[in-house]
Amino acid sequence: MLENWTQGSAPSASSIIDINNIRDAGVAEQIRGERLGALFQGLGCFDAVQGFHDELRAGRRSGSVSRALSSSKLPRSQISNPNLYYYASDLYPSFIGIREAANVMGISNSAAHRLVRAGQFPFPVARAGRSYKISVKALMHFKGIPDAIVHVDDIENGALHAGGGAK
């Protein structure tokens, strides 16, 4: 998962833990957030994520999953501010171009255009002028990338750990 920026370093404990085997849903939730934070830190884009978190904390933006908190999906929501939870996809643009989508899918740009014109693209494509737009959430679903519900503290703790800092 994080091989691109951790080559040569020993794996951290959380990178070898299979989240699907964790019985405590709160611990699994925390590890998912920490892994994502470590990924953003390793990719060098955590500053943008931190700006998003600052807006959540200041109340200028509301977490996208506050309505879902009534379900038992978020076991730790009872002890934390529900507005500080969000879907990982909230950090990405809603739509990307066909070139970027083709790259993620592992196909050429021309093959993606051919599939769209033939009506065989694996999910809906929106036309915007002379270009096509692809839903990031649909692409994540197609690639089997879970749209994890995360908490700002978990993301920040993962980034802090990956950056070698201590709280």
N, C-alpha and C. Protein backbone atom coordinates (compact mmCIF):
# COMPACT_ATOMS: atom_id res chain seq x y z
N MET A 1 0.83 -1.18 0.00
CA MET A 1 0.00 0.00 0.00
C MET A 1 0.88 1.25 0.00
N LEU A 2 1.80 1.36 0.93
CA LEU A 2 2.63 2.54 1.05
C LEU A 2 4.04 2.27 0.57
N GLU A 3 4.23 1.24 -0.24
CA GLU A 3 5.55 0.82 -0.64
C GLU A 3 6.34 1.91 -1.34
N ASN A 4 5.68 2.78 -2.08
CA ASN A 4 6.36 3.79 -2.87
C ASN A 4 7.21 4.72 -2.02
N TRP A 5 6.77 5.05 -0.83
CA TRP A 5 7.54 6.00 -0.05
C TRP A 5 8.16 5.39 1.19
N THR A 6 7.95 4.11 1.43
CA THR A 6 8.55 3.49 2.60
C THR A 6 9.60 2.45 2.24
N GLN A 7 10.03 2.45 0.98
CA GLN A 7 11.04 1.48 0.59
C GLN A 7 12.28 1.65 1.46
N GLY A 8 12.79 0.55 1.92
CA GLY A 8 13.98 0.58 2.74
C GLY A 8 13.70 0.76 4.22
N SER A 9 12.48 1.01 4.59
CA SER A 9 12.17 1.17 6.01
C SER A 9 11.43 -0.06 6.49
N ALA A 10 11.55 -0.33 7.77
CA ALA A 10 10.86 -1.48 8.35
C ALA A 10 9.37 -1.20 8.36
N PRO A 11 8.53 -2.23 8.14
CA PRO A 11 7.08 -2.00 8.15
C PRO A 11 6.61 -1.65 9.56
N SER A 12 5.66 -0.74 9.63
CA SER A 12 5.10 -0.40 10.93
C SER A 12 4.07 -1.46 11.30
N ALA A 13 3.75 -1.54 12.57
CA ALA A 13 2.81 -2.56 13.03
C ALA A 13 1.46 -2.43 12.34
N SER A 14 0.99 -1.19 12.13
CA SER A 14 -0.33 -1.03 11.53
C SER A 14 -0.35 -1.43 10.07
N SER A 15 0.81 -1.47 9.40
CA SER A 15 0.81 -1.83 7.99
C SER A 15 0.69 -3.33 7.78
N ILE A 16 0.91 -4.11 8.82
CA ILE A 16 0.82 -5.57 8.67
C ILE A 16 -0.41 -6.15 9.35
N ILE A 17 -1.23 -5.29 9.92
CA ILE A 17 -2.45 -5.73 10.59
C ILE A 17 -3.58 -5.80 9.58
N ASP A 18 -4.27 -6.92 9.54
CA ASP A 18 -5.43 -7.07 8.67
C ASP A 18 -6.65 -6.53 9.42
N ILE A 19 -7.16 -5.40 8.97
CA ILE A 19 -8.28 -4.73 9.64
C ILE A 19 -9.52 -5.63 9.69
N ASN A 20 -9.68 -6.48 8.68
CA ASN A 20 -10.85 -7.35 8.64
C ASN A 20 -10.88 -8.36 9.78
N ASN A 21 -9.74 -8.61 10.42
CA ASN A 21 -9.69 -9.57 11.52
C ASN A 21 -9.77 -8.92 12.89
N ILE A 22 -9.92 -7.61 12.94
CA ILE A 22 -10.01 -6.91 14.22
C ILE A 22 -11.44 -6.97 14.71
N ARG A 23 -11.63 -7.45 15.91
CA ARG A 23 -12.98 -7.59 16.46
C ARG A 23 -13.55 -6.29 16.99
N ASP A 24 -12.69 -5.42 17.49
CA ASP A 24 -13.13 -4.14 18.04
C ASP A 24 -13.26 -3.13 16.90
N ALA A 25 -14.50 -2.76 16.56
CA ALA A 25 -14.75 -1.86 15.44
C ALA A 25 -14.10 -0.49 15.66
N GLY A 26 -14.00 -0.05 16.90
CA GLY A 26 -13.37 1.24 17.19
C GLY A 26 -11.89 1.22 16.86
N VAL A 27 -11.22 0.13 17.14
CA VAL A 27 -9.80 0.01 16.83
C VAL A 27 -9.60 -0.04 15.31
N ALA A 28 -10.46 -0.77 14.62
CA ALA A 28 -10.37 -0.85 13.15
C ALA A 28 -10.58 0.54 12.54
N GLU A 29 -11.54 1.27 13.06
CA GLU A 29 -11.81 2.64 12.59
C GLU A 29 -10.58 3.51 12.78
N GLN A 30 -9.96 3.41 13.92
CA GLN A 30 -8.78 4.22 14.23
C GLN A 30 -7.62 3.87 13.29
N ILE A 31 -7.38 2.60 13.08
CA ILE A 31 -6.27 2.18 12.22
C ILE A 31 -6.50 2.63 10.78
N ARG A 32 -7.74 2.53 10.29
CA ARG A 32 -8.03 3.00 8.93
C ARG A 32 -7.66 4.47 8.78
N GLY A 33 -8.05 5.28 9.74
CA GLY A 33 -7.73 6.71 9.69
C GLY A 33 -6.24 6.97 9.77
N GLU A 34 -5.56 6.26 10.64
CA GLU A 34 -4.12 6.45 10.79
C GLU A 34 -3.37 6.05 9.53
N ARG A 35 -3.80 4.98 8.89
CA ARG A 35 -3.16 4.57 7.64
C ARG A 35 -3.33 5.63 6.56
N LEU A 36 -4.53 6.20 6.47
CA LEU A 36 -4.77 7.23 5.46
C LEU A 36 -3.93 8.47 5.76
N GLY A 37 -3.84 8.84 7.01
CA GLY A 37 -3.01 9.98 7.39
C GLY A 37 -1.54 9.74 7.06
N ALA A 38 -1.06 8.53 7.32
CA ALA A 38 0.32 8.20 6.98
C ALA A 38 0.56 8.26 5.47
N LEU A 39 -0.43 7.82 4.71
CA LEU A 39 -0.33 7.87 3.26
C LEU A 39 -0.22 9.32 2.79
N PHE A 40 -1.10 10.20 3.28
CA PHE A 40 -1.06 11.60 2.88
C PHE A 40 0.27 12.26 3.29
N GLN A 41 0.76 11.93 4.46
CA GLN A 41 2.05 12.47 4.90
C GLN A 41 3.16 11.99 3.98
N GLY A 42 3.15 10.71 3.64
CA GLY A 42 4.19 10.16 2.77
C GLY A 42 4.14 10.72 1.36
N LEU A 43 2.96 11.07 0.90
CA LEU A 43 2.82 11.64 -0.44
C LEU A 43 3.11 13.13 -0.45
N GLY A 44 3.29 13.72 0.73
CA GLY A 44 3.61 15.14 0.82
C GLY A 44 2.43 16.07 0.62
N CYS A 45 1.22 15.57 0.84
CA CYS A 45 0.04 16.43 0.63
C CYS A 45 -0.76 16.61 1.92
N PHE A 46 -0.13 16.39 3.06
CA PHE A 46 -0.88 16.50 4.30
C PHE A 46 -1.28 17.93 4.64
N ASP A 47 -0.56 18.93 4.13
CA ASP A 47 -0.92 20.32 4.42
C ASP A 47 -2.33 20.64 3.93
N ALA A 48 -2.69 20.13 2.76
CA ALA A 48 -4.05 20.36 2.24
C ALA A 48 -5.08 19.67 3.12
N VAL A 49 -4.76 18.47 3.60
CA VAL A 49 -5.66 17.74 4.49
C VAL A 49 -5.82 18.51 5.80
N GLN A 50 -4.72 19.05 6.30
CA GLN A 50 -4.77 19.81 7.54
C GLN A 50 -5.67 21.03 7.39
N GLY A 51 -5.64 21.68 6.24
CA GLY A 51 -6.53 22.82 5.98
C GLY A 51 -7.99 22.40 6.03
N PHE A 52 -8.30 21.24 5.46
CA PHE A 52 -9.66 20.69 5.51
C PHE A 52 -10.07 20.45 6.96
N HIS A 53 -9.16 19.90 7.77
CA HIS A 53 -9.44 19.63 9.18
C HIS A 53 -9.66 20.94 9.95
N ASP A 54 -8.86 21.96 9.64
CA ASP A 54 -9.02 23.24 10.32
C ASP A 54 -10.41 23.82 10.06
N GLU A 55 -10.91 23.67 8.82
CA GLU A 55 -12.26 24.14 8.51
C GLU A 55 -13.32 23.36 9.27
N LEU A 56 -13.12 22.05 9.42
CA LEU A 56 -14.07 21.24 10.20
C LEU A 56 -14.10 21.70 11.65
N ARG A 57 -12.92 21.88 12.23
CA ARG A 57 -12.83 22.26 13.65
C ARG A 57 -13.40 23.66 13.90
N ALA A 58 -13.24 24.55 12.93
CA ALA A 58 -13.73 25.92 13.09
C ALA A 58 -15.22 26.03 12.82
N GLY A 59 -15.84 24.95 12.33
CA GLY A 59 -17.26 24.97 12.06
C GLY A 59 -17.63 25.58 10.71
N ARG A 60 -16.63 25.89 9.88
CA ARG A 60 -16.91 26.43 8.54
C ARG A 60 -17.33 25.33 7.58
N ARG A 61 -17.16 24.11 7.99
CA ARG A 61 -17.54 22.95 7.18
C ARG A 61 -18.01 21.88 8.16
N SER A 62 -19.00 21.10 7.77
CA SER A 62 -19.52 20.04 8.62
C SER A 62 -19.06 18.70 8.09
N GLY A 63 -18.78 17.79 8.98
CA GLY A 63 -18.43 16.44 8.56
C GLY A 63 -19.56 15.83 7.75
N SER A 64 -19.21 15.04 6.76
CA SER A 64 -20.22 14.53 5.83
C SER A 64 -20.99 13.33 6.34
N VAL A 65 -20.61 12.78 7.46
CA VAL A 65 -21.28 11.57 7.93
C VAL A 65 -22.06 11.79 9.21
N SER A 66 -22.30 13.02 9.59
CA SER A 66 -23.00 13.27 10.85
C SER A 66 -24.39 12.64 10.88
N ARG A 67 -25.05 12.54 9.71
CA ARG A 67 -26.37 11.89 9.68
C ARG A 67 -26.26 10.39 9.90
N ALA A 68 -25.14 9.80 9.53
CA ALA A 68 -24.96 8.35 9.65
C ALA A 68 -24.56 7.93 11.06
N LEU A 69 -24.32 8.89 11.93
CA LEU A 69 -23.84 8.55 13.26
C LEU A 69 -24.86 7.83 14.11
N SER A 70 -26.11 7.90 13.74
CA SER A 70 -27.12 7.20 14.52
C SER A 70 -26.99 5.69 14.36
N SER A 71 -26.36 5.27 13.28
CA SER A 71 -26.12 3.84 13.09
C SER A 71 -24.94 3.42 13.94
N SER A 72 -24.70 2.13 14.01
CA SER A 72 -23.60 1.64 14.85
C SER A 72 -22.30 1.55 14.08
N LYS A 73 -22.21 2.20 12.91
CA LYS A 73 -21.00 2.16 12.11
C LYS A 73 -19.82 2.83 12.79
N LEU A 74 -20.09 3.81 13.63
CA LEU A 74 -19.02 4.60 14.24
C LEU A 74 -19.04 4.43 15.75
N PRO A 75 -18.41 3.40 16.24
CA PRO A 75 -18.49 3.11 17.67
C PRO A 75 -17.88 4.19 18.56
N ARG A 76 -16.93 4.95 18.06
CA ARG A 76 -16.28 5.96 18.88
C ARG A 76 -16.97 7.31 18.81
N SER A 77 -18.05 7.42 18.04
CA SER A 77 -18.72 8.72 17.88
C SER A 77 -19.34 9.22 19.17
N GLN A 78 -19.56 8.33 20.11
CA GLN A 78 -20.15 8.74 21.39
C GLN A 78 -19.18 9.60 22.20
N ILE A 79 -17.87 9.44 21.94
CA ILE A 79 -16.88 10.15 22.75
C ILE A 79 -16.20 11.27 21.99
N SER A 80 -16.57 11.48 20.74
CA SER A 80 -15.92 12.51 19.94
C SER A 80 -16.97 13.35 19.23
N ASN A 81 -16.57 14.52 18.81
CA ASN A 81 -17.46 15.41 18.08
C ASN A 81 -17.88 14.76 16.77
N PRO A 82 -19.16 14.51 16.56
CA PRO A 82 -19.62 13.85 15.34
C PRO A 82 -19.30 14.63 14.07
N ASN A 83 -19.16 15.94 14.17
CA ASN A 83 -18.86 16.75 12.98
C ASN A 83 -17.41 16.60 12.52
N LEU A 84 -16.61 15.88 13.25
CA LEU A 84 -15.21 15.70 12.86
C LEU A 84 -15.00 14.39 12.11
N TYR A 85 -16.08 13.70 11.78
CA TYR A 85 -16.02 12.50 10.94
C TYR A 85 -16.34 12.90 9.51
N TYR A 86 -15.70 12.25 8.57
CA TYR A 86 -16.01 12.47 7.16
C TYR A 86 -15.61 11.25 6.35
N TYR A 87 -16.10 11.19 5.11
CA TYR A 87 -15.71 10.13 4.20
C TYR A 87 -14.36 10.50 3.58
N ALA A 88 -13.51 9.52 3.39
CA ALA A 88 -12.20 9.77 2.79
C ALA A 88 -12.35 10.45 1.43
N SER A 89 -13.40 10.13 0.69
CA SER A 89 -13.60 10.72 -0.63
C SER A 89 -13.86 12.22 -0.57
N ASP A 90 -14.20 12.76 0.60
CA ASP A 90 -14.41 14.20 0.73
C ASP A 90 -13.13 14.99 0.48
N LEU A 91 -12.00 14.31 0.58
CA LEU A 91 -10.71 14.97 0.36
C LEU A 91 -10.35 15.07 -1.12
N TYR A 92 -11.08 14.39 -1.96
CA TYR A 92 -10.79 14.36 -3.39
C TYR A 92 -11.80 15.21 -4.13
N PRO A 93 -11.46 15.60 -5.37
CA PRO A 93 -12.48 16.31 -6.16
C PRO A 93 -13.63 15.37 -6.48
N SER A 94 -14.80 15.92 -6.73
CA SER A 94 -15.96 15.09 -7.04
C SER A 94 -15.81 14.39 -8.38
N PHE A 95 -15.18 15.08 -9.34
CA PHE A 95 -15.01 14.53 -10.68
C PHE A 95 -13.58 14.75 -11.15
N ILE A 96 -13.12 13.84 -12.00
CA ILE A 96 -11.81 13.99 -12.64
C ILE A 96 -12.00 13.76 -14.14
N GLY A 97 -10.98 14.12 -14.89
CA GLY A 97 -11.03 13.93 -16.33
C GLY A 97 -10.81 12.48 -16.72
N ILE A 98 -11.10 12.19 -17.97
CA ILE A 98 -10.99 10.82 -18.44
C ILE A 98 -9.53 10.35 -18.47
N ARG A 99 -8.60 11.26 -18.71
CA ARG A 99 -7.18 10.89 -18.71
C ARG A 99 -6.75 10.37 -17.34
N GLU A 100 -7.15 11.08 -16.28
CA GLU A 100 -6.80 10.66 -14.93
C GLU A 100 -7.48 9.34 -14.57
N ALA A 101 -8.75 9.22 -14.96
CA ALA A 101 -9.49 7.99 -14.69
C ALA A 101 -8.86 6.80 -15.41
N ALA A 102 -8.48 7.00 -16.67
CA ALA A 102 -7.84 5.93 -17.43
C ALA A 102 -6.55 5.49 -16.77
N ASN A 103 -5.80 6.45 -16.27
CA ASN A 103 -4.54 6.14 -15.58
C ASN A 103 -4.80 5.28 -14.35
N VAL A 104 -5.80 5.64 -13.55
CA VAL A 104 -6.15 4.86 -12.35
C VAL A 104 -6.62 3.47 -12.74
N MET A 105 -7.36 3.37 -13.83
CA MET A 105 -7.89 2.09 -14.28
C MET A 105 -6.84 1.21 -14.95
N GLY A 106 -5.70 1.81 -15.29
CA GLY A 106 -4.64 1.04 -15.93
C GLY A 106 -4.87 0.81 -17.42
N ILE A 107 -5.61 1.72 -18.07
CA ILE A 107 -5.83 1.61 -19.51
C ILE A 107 -5.36 2.91 -20.17
N SER A 108 -5.17 2.86 -21.47
CA SER A 108 -4.72 4.05 -22.18
C SER A 108 -5.88 5.05 -22.31
N ASN A 109 -5.50 6.30 -22.53
CA ASN A 109 -6.49 7.35 -22.72
C ASN A 109 -7.36 7.05 -23.94
N SER A 110 -6.74 6.57 -25.01
CA SER A 110 -7.51 6.26 -26.22
C SER A 110 -8.48 5.10 -25.99
N ALA A 111 -8.05 4.11 -25.19
CA ALA A 111 -8.94 2.98 -24.89
C ALA A 111 -10.13 3.46 -24.06
N ALA A 112 -9.89 4.38 -23.13
CA ALA A 112 -10.99 4.92 -22.32
C ALA A 112 -11.98 5.67 -23.21
N HIS A 113 -11.47 6.48 -24.12
CA HIS A 113 -12.36 7.21 -25.04
C HIS A 113 -13.15 6.24 -25.92
N ARG A 114 -12.50 5.19 -26.36
CA ARG A 114 -13.18 4.19 -27.19
C ARG A 114 -14.32 3.53 -26.42
N LEU A 115 -14.06 3.17 -25.16
CA LEU A 115 -15.10 2.56 -24.33
C LEU A 115 -16.27 3.50 -24.10
N VAL A 116 -15.97 4.77 -23.88
CA VAL A 116 -17.04 5.76 -23.65
C VAL A 116 -17.89 5.89 -24.91
N ARG A 117 -17.24 6.04 -26.06
CA ARG A 117 -17.99 6.19 -27.31
C ARG A 117 -18.84 4.96 -27.63
N ALA A 118 -18.35 3.78 -27.24
CA ALA A 118 -19.09 2.54 -27.50
C ALA A 118 -20.15 2.27 -26.43
N GLY A 119 -20.20 3.14 -25.41
CA GLY A 119 -21.17 2.93 -24.33
C GLY A 119 -20.81 1.76 -23.44
N GLN A 120 -19.53 1.40 -23.39
CA GLN A 120 -19.10 0.24 -22.63
C GLN A 120 -18.20 0.61 -21.44
N PHE A 121 -18.14 1.90 -21.11
CA PHE A 121 -17.35 2.29 -19.94
C PHE A 121 -18.01 1.67 -18.72
N PRO A 122 -17.26 1.15 -17.75
CA PRO A 122 -17.86 0.36 -16.66
C PRO A 122 -18.75 1.12 -15.68
N PHE A 123 -18.83 2.43 -15.80
CA PHE A 123 -19.72 3.22 -14.94
C PHE A 123 -20.06 4.51 -15.68
N PRO A 124 -21.06 5.26 -15.20
CA PRO A 124 -21.52 6.45 -15.93
C PRO A 124 -20.42 7.51 -16.11
N VAL A 125 -20.48 8.16 -17.25
CA VAL A 125 -19.55 9.24 -17.59
C VAL A 125 -20.39 10.46 -17.94
N ALA A 126 -20.00 11.61 -17.42
CA ALA A 126 -20.72 12.85 -17.71
C ALA A 126 -19.97 13.63 -18.78
N ARG A 127 -20.71 14.20 -19.68
CA ARG A 127 -20.11 15.02 -20.73
C ARG A 127 -20.11 16.46 -20.24
N ALA A 128 -18.96 17.12 -20.35
CA ALA A 128 -18.83 18.53 -19.97
C ALA A 128 -18.17 19.26 -21.13
N GLY A 129 -19.00 19.84 -21.99
CA GLY A 129 -18.46 20.49 -23.19
C GLY A 129 -17.90 19.44 -24.13
N ARG A 130 -16.62 19.58 -24.41
CA ARG A 130 -15.96 18.63 -25.31
C ARG A 130 -15.21 17.54 -24.54
N SER A 131 -15.29 17.56 -23.23
CA SER A 131 -14.56 16.58 -22.42
C SER A 131 -15.53 15.72 -21.60
N TYR A 132 -14.97 14.70 -21.00
CA TYR A 132 -15.75 13.80 -20.15
C TYR A 132 -15.30 13.95 -18.71
N LYS A 133 -16.23 13.78 -17.80
CA LYS A 133 -15.94 13.83 -16.37
C LYS A 133 -16.35 12.51 -15.74
N ILE A 134 -15.52 12.03 -14.85
CA ILE A 134 -15.72 10.75 -14.19
C ILE A 134 -15.90 11.00 -12.69
N SER A 135 -16.91 10.41 -12.09
CA SER A 135 -17.14 10.52 -10.65
C SER A 135 -16.04 9.78 -9.90
N VAL A 136 -15.40 10.47 -8.98
CA VAL A 136 -14.34 9.84 -8.19
C VAL A 136 -14.91 8.72 -7.33
N LYS A 137 -16.10 8.92 -6.78
CA LYS A 137 -16.71 7.86 -5.96
C LYS A 137 -17.02 6.62 -6.79
N ALA A 138 -17.49 6.81 -8.04
CA ALA A 138 -17.75 5.67 -8.91
C ALA A 138 -16.45 4.95 -9.26
N LEU A 139 -15.40 5.72 -9.49
CA LEU A 139 -14.09 5.12 -9.80
C LEU A 139 -13.55 4.35 -8.60
N MET A 140 -13.71 4.91 -7.41
CA MET A 140 -13.27 4.22 -6.19
C MET A 140 -14.03 2.89 -6.05
N HIS A 141 -15.33 2.93 -6.28
CA HIS A 141 -16.15 1.72 -6.19
C HIS A 141 -15.69 0.68 -7.22
N PHE A 142 -15.45 1.12 -8.44
CA PHE A 142 -14.99 0.23 -9.51
C PHE A 142 -13.67 -0.44 -9.15
N LYS A 143 -12.76 0.33 -8.55
CA LYS A 143 -11.44 -0.20 -8.19
C LYS A 143 -11.44 -0.95 -6.86
N GLY A 144 -12.58 -0.97 -6.18
CA GLY A 144 -12.65 -1.66 -4.90
C GLY A 144 -11.97 -0.91 -3.77
N ILE A 145 -11.87 0.40 -3.92
CA ILE A 145 -11.26 1.24 -2.88
C ILE A 145 -12.37 1.67 -1.93
N PRO A 146 -12.31 1.26 -0.68
CA PRO A 146 -13.39 1.61 0.25
C PRO A 146 -13.40 3.11 0.56
N ASP A 147 -14.57 3.66 0.66
CA ASP A 147 -14.72 5.06 1.04
C ASP A 147 -14.88 5.09 2.55
N ALA A 148 -13.76 4.96 3.23
CA ALA A 148 -13.75 4.81 4.68
C ALA A 148 -14.25 6.06 5.39
N ILE A 149 -14.94 5.84 6.48
CA ILE A 149 -15.32 6.93 7.37
C ILE A 149 -14.15 7.12 8.33
N VAL A 150 -13.65 8.36 8.40
CA VAL A 150 -12.46 8.64 9.21
C VAL A 150 -12.72 9.82 10.13
N HIS A 151 -11.88 9.94 11.13
CA HIS A 151 -11.95 11.03 12.09
C HIS A 151 -10.67 11.85 11.96
N VAL A 152 -10.78 13.16 12.11
CA VAL A 152 -9.62 14.03 11.93
C VAL A 152 -8.47 13.64 12.84
N ASP A 153 -8.74 13.27 14.08
CA ASP A 153 -7.66 12.92 15.01
C ASP A 153 -6.88 11.70 14.54
N ASP A 154 -7.58 10.71 13.99
CA ASP A 154 -6.90 9.50 13.51
C ASP A 154 -6.01 9.82 12.32
N ILE A 155 -6.52 10.62 11.39
CA ILE A 155 -5.73 11.02 10.22
C ILE A 155 -4.48 11.76 10.68
N GLU A 156 -4.65 12.71 11.58
CA GLU A 156 -3.52 13.51 12.04
C GLU A 156 -2.51 12.68 12.83
N ASN A 157 -2.99 11.73 13.63
CA ASN A 157 -2.07 10.87 14.38
C ASN A 157 -1.24 10.00 13.43
N GLY A 158 -1.88 9.48 12.39
CA GLY A 158 -1.15 8.67 11.40
C GLY A 158 -0.11 9.50 10.67
N ALA A 159 -0.46 10.73 10.30
CA ALA A 159 0.49 11.60 9.62
C ALA A 159 1.64 11.98 10.54
N LEU A 160 1.33 12.25 11.79
CA LEU A 160 2.36 12.59 12.77
C LEU A 160 3.34 11.44 12.96
N HIS A 161 2.81 10.25 13.08
CA HIS A 161 3.65 9.06 13.25
C HIS A 161 4.52 8.84 12.01
N ALA A 162 3.92 8.96 10.83
CA ALA A 162 4.67 8.74 9.59
C ALA A 162 5.75 9.80 9.40
N GLY A 163 5.49 11.01 9.91
CA GLY A 163 6.47 12.08 9.81
C GLY A 163 7.57 12.02 10.86
N GLY A 164 7.47 11.04 11.77
CA GLY A 164 8.49 10.87 12.80
C GLY A 164 8.30 11.76 14.00
N GLY A 165 7.18 12.46 14.08
CA GLY A 165 6.92 13.34 15.20
C GLY A 165 6.26 12.63 16.34
N ALA A 166 6.17 13.32 17.45
CA ALA A 166 5.46 12.79 18.62
C ALA A 166 4.53 13.86 19.12
N LYS A 167 3.40 13.44 19.62
CA LYS A 167 2.41 14.39 20.14
C LYS A 167 2.73 14.80 21.55
